[in-house]
């Protein structure tokens, strides 16, 4: 199972528009709406990508970091209303 959060403002419209057809449950945080960084976590890995003038990304393989990001995601999910 893959999770992602902190969807960048550039990606937000695409993700939201496709959510129903792809049977996804999507939520957006108002506080993160102008964020240009996206975080993915999957299979014990965390990927962080920033979409600045020169995009940059990093993938870290760490069970501890994965577990922490998953916990952050779960708390953010609970505090954000459905779209």
N, C-alpha and C. Protein backbone atom coordinates (compact mmCIF):
# COMPACT_ATOMS: atom_id res chain seq x y z
N UNK A 1 0.84 -1.16 0.00
CA UNK A 1 0.00 0.00 0.00
C UNK A 1 0.89 1.23 0.00
N UNK A 2 0.59 2.18 -0.84
CA UNK A 2 1.36 3.43 -0.89
C UNK A 2 0.51 4.57 -0.37
N UNK A 3 1.14 5.49 0.31
CA UNK A 3 0.48 6.66 0.83
C UNK A 3 1.23 7.87 0.31
N UNK A 4 0.54 8.96 0.19
CA UNK A 4 1.26 10.20 -0.02
C UNK A 4 0.46 11.33 0.58
N UNK A 5 1.16 12.39 0.91
CA UNK A 5 0.52 13.53 1.51
C UNK A 5 1.28 14.77 1.13
N UNK A 6 0.79 15.91 1.60
CA UNK A 6 1.42 17.19 1.28
C UNK A 6 1.51 17.36 -0.24
N UNK A 7 0.42 17.06 -0.89
CA UNK A 7 0.39 17.16 -2.35
C UNK A 7 0.62 18.61 -2.76
N UNK A 8 1.53 18.82 -3.69
CA UNK A 8 1.84 20.17 -4.13
C UNK A 8 0.63 20.80 -4.80
N UNK A 9 0.60 22.11 -4.81
CA UNK A 9 -0.52 22.82 -5.42
C UNK A 9 -0.63 22.50 -6.90
N UNK A 10 0.48 22.20 -7.55
CA UNK A 10 0.45 21.85 -8.97
C UNK A 10 -0.22 20.50 -9.20
N UNK A 11 -0.07 19.59 -8.28
CA UNK A 11 -0.60 18.24 -8.43
C UNK A 11 -2.01 18.11 -7.89
N UNK A 12 -2.41 18.98 -6.96
CA UNK A 12 -3.69 18.89 -6.27
C UNK A 12 -4.88 18.76 -7.23
N UNK A 13 -4.96 19.59 -8.25
CA UNK A 13 -6.10 19.55 -9.17
C UNK A 13 -6.17 18.23 -9.92
N UNK A 14 -5.04 17.73 -10.38
CA UNK A 14 -5.02 16.46 -11.10
C UNK A 14 -5.47 15.31 -10.20
N UNK A 15 -4.94 15.27 -9.00
CA UNK A 15 -5.27 14.20 -8.07
C UNK A 15 -6.74 14.24 -7.69
N UNK A 16 -7.23 15.42 -7.36
CA UNK A 16 -8.63 15.57 -6.97
C UNK A 16 -9.59 15.22 -8.09
N UNK A 17 -9.28 15.60 -9.31
CA UNK A 17 -10.15 15.34 -10.45
C UNK A 17 -10.25 13.85 -10.76
N UNK A 18 -9.18 13.11 -10.55
CA UNK A 18 -9.15 11.69 -10.88
C UNK A 18 -9.57 10.79 -9.71
N UNK A 19 -9.76 11.36 -8.54
CA UNK A 19 -9.99 10.56 -7.34
C UNK A 19 -11.19 9.63 -7.46
N UNK A 20 -12.32 10.15 -7.88
CA UNK A 20 -13.52 9.31 -7.95
C UNK A 20 -13.39 8.21 -8.98
N UNK A 21 -12.87 8.53 -10.15
CA UNK A 21 -12.74 7.51 -11.20
C UNK A 21 -11.73 6.43 -10.82
N UNK A 22 -10.77 6.77 -9.97
CA UNK A 22 -9.76 5.81 -9.54
C UNK A 22 -10.10 5.21 -8.17
N UNK A 23 -11.31 5.49 -7.69
CA UNK A 23 -11.80 4.96 -6.41
C UNK A 23 -10.86 5.30 -5.25
N UNK A 24 -10.42 6.55 -5.22
CA UNK A 24 -9.54 7.03 -4.16
C UNK A 24 -10.33 7.90 -3.19
N UNK A 25 -9.90 7.91 -1.95
CA UNK A 25 -10.41 8.85 -0.97
C UNK A 25 -9.31 9.89 -0.79
N UNK A 26 -9.59 11.13 -1.14
CA UNK A 26 -8.58 12.18 -1.15
C UNK A 26 -8.98 13.28 -0.16
N UNK A 27 -8.00 13.79 0.55
CA UNK A 27 -8.22 14.92 1.46
C UNK A 27 -7.08 15.91 1.27
N UNK A 28 -7.42 17.20 1.38
CA UNK A 28 -6.42 18.25 1.23
C UNK A 28 -6.42 19.13 2.47
N UNK A 29 -5.25 19.45 2.96
CA UNK A 29 -5.12 20.35 4.10
C UNK A 29 -5.03 21.78 3.60
N UNK A 30 -5.85 22.66 4.15
CA UNK A 30 -5.79 24.07 3.76
C UNK A 30 -4.43 24.68 4.09
N UNK A 31 -3.83 24.22 5.18
CA UNK A 31 -2.54 24.77 5.59
C UNK A 31 -1.42 24.38 4.63
N UNK A 32 -1.61 23.30 3.88
CA UNK A 32 -0.57 22.84 2.96
C UNK A 32 -0.88 23.16 1.50
N UNK A 33 -1.90 23.97 1.24
CA UNK A 33 -2.36 24.17 -0.13
C UNK A 33 -1.33 24.83 -1.05
N UNK A 34 -0.42 25.61 -0.52
CA UNK A 34 0.59 26.26 -1.36
C UNK A 34 1.95 25.59 -1.25
N UNK A 35 1.95 24.39 -0.73
CA UNK A 35 3.18 23.64 -0.57
C UNK A 35 3.64 23.08 -1.91
N UNK A 36 4.91 23.18 -2.20
CA UNK A 36 5.46 22.65 -3.45
C UNK A 36 6.30 21.40 -3.22
N UNK A 37 5.99 20.69 -2.15
CA UNK A 37 6.70 19.46 -1.82
C UNK A 37 5.70 18.33 -1.66
N UNK A 38 6.03 17.17 -2.17
CA UNK A 38 5.19 15.98 -2.03
C UNK A 38 6.02 14.89 -1.37
N UNK A 39 5.39 14.16 -0.48
CA UNK A 39 6.05 13.05 0.20
C UNK A 39 5.29 11.77 -0.11
N UNK A 40 6.01 10.75 -0.49
CA UNK A 40 5.44 9.42 -0.71
C UNK A 40 6.11 8.48 0.27
N UNK A 41 5.38 7.52 0.78
CA UNK A 41 6.02 6.49 1.58
C UNK A 41 5.37 5.16 1.26
N UNK A 42 6.24 4.17 1.06
CA UNK A 42 5.82 2.87 0.55
C UNK A 42 6.94 1.86 0.80
N UNK A 43 6.58 0.62 1.04
CA UNK A 43 7.55 -0.49 1.16
C UNK A 43 8.77 -0.15 2.02
N UNK A 44 8.57 0.53 3.14
CA UNK A 44 9.69 0.87 4.01
C UNK A 44 10.57 1.99 3.49
N UNK A 45 10.07 2.75 2.52
CA UNK A 45 10.84 3.85 1.93
C UNK A 45 10.05 5.15 2.04
N UNK A 46 10.77 6.26 2.05
CA UNK A 46 10.16 7.59 2.04
C UNK A 46 10.79 8.37 0.89
N UNK A 47 9.94 8.93 0.04
CA UNK A 47 10.41 9.77 -1.06
C UNK A 47 9.90 11.19 -0.83
N UNK A 48 10.79 12.15 -0.93
CA UNK A 48 10.43 13.55 -0.76
C UNK A 48 10.85 14.27 -2.03
N UNK A 49 9.87 14.96 -2.64
CA UNK A 49 10.12 15.64 -3.91
C UNK A 49 9.66 17.08 -3.78
N UNK A 50 10.50 18.01 -4.21
CA UNK A 50 10.13 19.41 -4.22
C UNK A 50 10.07 19.88 -5.67
N UNK A 51 9.07 20.70 -5.95
CA UNK A 51 8.83 21.18 -7.31
C UNK A 51 9.15 22.67 -7.40
N UNK A 52 10.35 23.01 -7.16
CA UNK A 52 10.80 24.39 -7.29
C UNK A 52 11.24 24.60 -8.73
N UNK A 53 11.95 25.69 -8.99
CA UNK A 53 12.42 25.96 -10.35
C UNK A 53 13.23 24.78 -10.88
N UNK A 54 14.01 24.17 -10.00
CA UNK A 54 14.76 22.97 -10.35
C UNK A 54 14.30 21.85 -9.42
N UNK A 55 13.40 20.98 -9.89
CA UNK A 55 12.86 19.92 -9.03
C UNK A 55 13.97 19.05 -8.44
N UNK A 56 13.73 18.59 -7.23
CA UNK A 56 14.71 17.78 -6.52
C UNK A 56 13.97 16.71 -5.72
N UNK A 57 14.53 15.52 -5.65
CA UNK A 57 13.91 14.46 -4.87
C UNK A 57 14.94 13.58 -4.21
N UNK A 58 14.49 12.89 -3.17
CA UNK A 58 15.34 11.97 -2.44
C UNK A 58 14.48 10.80 -1.97
N UNK A 59 15.04 9.60 -1.99
CA UNK A 59 14.37 8.41 -1.47
C UNK A 59 15.25 7.84 -0.37
N UNK A 60 14.63 7.60 0.79
CA UNK A 60 15.35 7.02 1.92
C UNK A 60 14.68 5.71 2.28
N UNK A 61 15.46 4.65 2.36
CA UNK A 61 14.94 3.36 2.77
C UNK A 61 15.22 3.20 4.26
N UNK A 62 14.15 3.29 5.06
CA UNK A 62 14.29 3.22 6.51
C UNK A 62 12.94 2.85 7.11
N UNK A 63 12.87 1.73 7.78
CA UNK A 63 11.62 1.31 8.42
C UNK A 63 11.19 2.33 9.47
N UNK A 64 12.14 2.84 10.26
CA UNK A 64 11.82 3.82 11.30
C UNK A 64 11.25 5.10 10.69
N UNK A 65 11.87 5.59 9.61
CA UNK A 65 11.38 6.80 8.95
C UNK A 65 10.02 6.54 8.30
N UNK A 66 9.86 5.39 7.68
CA UNK A 66 8.57 5.01 7.10
C UNK A 66 7.49 5.01 8.17
N UNK A 67 7.76 4.39 9.31
CA UNK A 67 6.77 4.32 10.39
C UNK A 67 6.41 5.72 10.90
N UNK A 68 7.40 6.60 10.99
CA UNK A 68 7.14 7.97 11.43
C UNK A 68 6.27 8.72 10.43
N UNK A 69 6.58 8.62 9.14
CA UNK A 69 5.78 9.29 8.13
C UNK A 69 4.36 8.73 8.07
N UNK A 70 4.23 7.43 8.28
CA UNK A 70 2.90 6.81 8.31
C UNK A 70 2.09 7.37 9.47
N UNK A 71 2.72 7.53 10.62
CA UNK A 71 2.04 8.11 11.78
C UNK A 71 1.63 9.56 11.49
N UNK A 72 2.53 10.35 10.89
CA UNK A 72 2.19 11.72 10.50
C UNK A 72 0.98 11.72 9.56
N UNK A 73 1.00 10.84 8.58
CA UNK A 73 -0.09 10.74 7.62
C UNK A 73 -1.41 10.43 8.33
N UNK A 74 -1.40 9.44 9.22
CA UNK A 74 -2.63 9.04 9.91
C UNK A 74 -3.20 10.19 10.74
N UNK A 75 -2.35 10.94 11.40
CA UNK A 75 -2.82 12.09 12.20
C UNK A 75 -3.35 13.20 11.30
N UNK A 76 -2.64 13.47 10.21
CA UNK A 76 -3.10 14.49 9.26
C UNK A 76 -4.43 14.08 8.63
N UNK A 77 -4.56 12.80 8.29
CA UNK A 77 -5.80 12.28 7.71
C UNK A 77 -6.98 12.49 8.64
N UNK A 78 -6.79 12.17 9.91
CA UNK A 78 -7.86 12.31 10.90
C UNK A 78 -8.28 13.76 11.09
N UNK A 79 -7.36 14.67 10.92
CA UNK A 79 -7.65 16.10 11.18
C UNK A 79 -8.12 16.87 9.95
N UNK A 80 -8.21 16.21 8.81
CA UNK A 80 -8.58 16.88 7.55
C UNK A 80 -9.92 16.33 7.05
N UNK A 81 -10.88 17.22 6.74
CA UNK A 81 -12.17 16.75 6.26
C UNK A 81 -12.08 16.16 4.85
N UNK A 82 -12.99 15.23 4.51
CA UNK A 82 -13.01 14.68 3.15
C UNK A 82 -13.23 15.78 2.10
N UNK A 83 -12.66 15.60 0.92
CA UNK A 83 -12.82 16.58 -0.17
C UNK A 83 -14.15 16.39 -0.86
